[in-house]
Amino acid sequence: MNLTGTRTASFTAGNPFSLTALTDTQSVNGRTHTSAFTASAKTWVDTTPVNRKTTTILDALERISSLQVGALLPVQFKYDARGRLSTITQ
């Protein structure tokens, strides 16, 4: 088995706590899985070795607000005033 991985992170100049982008790449026997985060859009995009994509969008409190698998309709998550999951719709 051959396993390799890399991580690339980008920050605002002069501020090591201001993540702007993060990309993790793992390869197992030449099959690559990539997970990329964009801070400005608060979005994760995961890509499998066969190019299937899952997109996860976070809200202002960094909870999942939307999850979309491939070309399927996205699933929306809503929370109540106490932060508890209240509604899931597609």
Protein backbone atom coordinates (compact mmCIF):
# COMPACT_ATOMS: atom_id res chain seq x y z
CA MET A 1 0.00 0.00 0.00
CA ASN A 2 1.28 3.46 -0.90
CA LEU A 3 -0.07 6.35 1.18
CA THR A 4 0.88 10.02 0.77
CA GLY A 5 -0.68 13.27 1.88
CA THR A 6 -0.17 17.00 1.68
CA ARG A 7 -1.71 20.05 3.31
CA THR A 8 -1.54 23.60 1.98
CA ALA A 9 -2.77 26.59 3.98
CA SER A 10 -3.00 30.26 3.05
CA PHE A 11 -3.13 33.14 5.51
CA THR A 12 -3.44 36.93 5.39
CA ALA A 13 0.05 38.43 5.44
CA GLY A 14 1.30 39.08 8.96
CA ASN A 15 -1.55 37.25 10.71
CA PRO A 16 -1.07 33.51 11.33
CA PHE A 17 -4.64 33.23 12.69
CA SER A 18 -6.36 34.47 9.51
CA LEU A 19 -6.83 31.33 7.46
CA THR A 20 -8.02 32.14 3.92
CA ALA A 21 -7.78 28.69 2.31
CA LEU A 22 -6.88 25.13 3.24
CA THR A 23 -6.38 22.14 0.96
CA ASP A 24 -5.75 18.55 2.10
CA THR A 25 -4.82 15.90 -0.44
CA GLN A 26 -4.48 12.20 0.36
CA SER A 27 -3.44 9.53 -2.12
CA VAL A 28 -3.82 5.82 -1.51
CA ASN A 29 -2.31 3.64 -4.21
CA GLY A 30 -2.45 6.53 -6.67
CA ARG A 31 -6.13 7.37 -6.00
CA THR A 32 -6.42 10.96 -4.79
CA HIS A 33 -9.01 12.50 -2.47
CA THR A 34 -9.00 16.28 -2.06
CA SER A 35 -10.70 18.43 0.57
CA ALA A 36 -10.57 22.21 0.02
CA PHE A 37 -11.84 24.97 2.32
CA THR A 38 -12.34 28.59 1.28
CA ALA A 39 -12.74 30.89 4.29
CA SER A 40 -14.34 33.84 2.47
CA ALA A 41 -17.20 31.63 1.24
CA LYS A 42 -17.08 29.32 4.30
CA THR A 43 -17.22 26.39 1.90
CA TRP A 44 -15.71 22.91 1.91
CA VAL A 45 -15.47 20.99 -1.37
CA ASP A 46 -14.53 17.32 -1.14
CA THR A 47 -13.55 15.48 -4.31
CA THR A 48 -13.23 11.69 -4.48
CA PRO A 49 -10.82 9.75 -6.69
CA VAL A 50 -13.63 9.29 -9.28
CA ASN A 51 -14.33 13.08 -9.28
CA ARG A 52 -17.51 13.00 -7.20
CA LYS A 53 -17.96 16.26 -5.32
CA THR A 54 -19.63 17.11 -2.03
CA THR A 55 -20.03 20.79 -1.14
CA THR A 56 -20.63 21.90 2.45
CA ILE A 57 -21.43 25.53 3.27
CA LEU A 58 -21.15 26.88 6.82
CA ASP A 59 -23.18 29.70 8.36
CA ALA A 60 -21.84 32.66 10.37
CA LEU A 61 -21.54 30.44 13.48
CA GLU A 62 -19.72 27.76 11.44
CA ARG A 63 -22.58 25.26 11.53
CA ILE A 64 -23.55 23.37 8.39
CA SER A 65 -26.16 25.40 6.53
CA SER A 66 -26.12 23.56 3.21
CA LEU A 67 -24.86 20.20 1.95
CA GLN A 68 -24.88 19.19 -1.71
CA VAL A 69 -23.75 15.87 -3.11
CA GLY A 70 -22.89 16.05 -6.80
CA ALA A 71 -25.72 17.42 -8.93
CA LEU A 72 -28.43 16.50 -6.42
CA LEU A 73 -30.51 19.24 -4.83
CA PRO A 74 -28.80 20.74 -1.77
CA VAL A 75 -30.01 19.94 1.74
CA GLN A 76 -30.60 23.06 3.86
CA PHE A 77 -30.17 23.08 7.64
CA LYS A 78 -31.85 25.67 9.90
CA TYR A 79 -31.23 26.24 13.59
CA ASP A 80 -33.35 27.72 16.38
CA ALA A 81 -32.32 30.65 18.62
CA ARG A 82 -30.48 28.25 20.96
CA GLY A 83 -28.41 26.79 18.12
CA ARG A 84 -30.26 23.48 17.94
CA LEU A 85 -31.04 21.97 14.56
CA SER A 86 -34.71 22.73 13.88
CA THR A 87 -35.35 22.10 10.18
CA ILE A 88 -33.83 20.05 7.37
CA THR A 89 -35.19 20.64 3.86
CA GLN A 90 -34.28 19.66 0.33
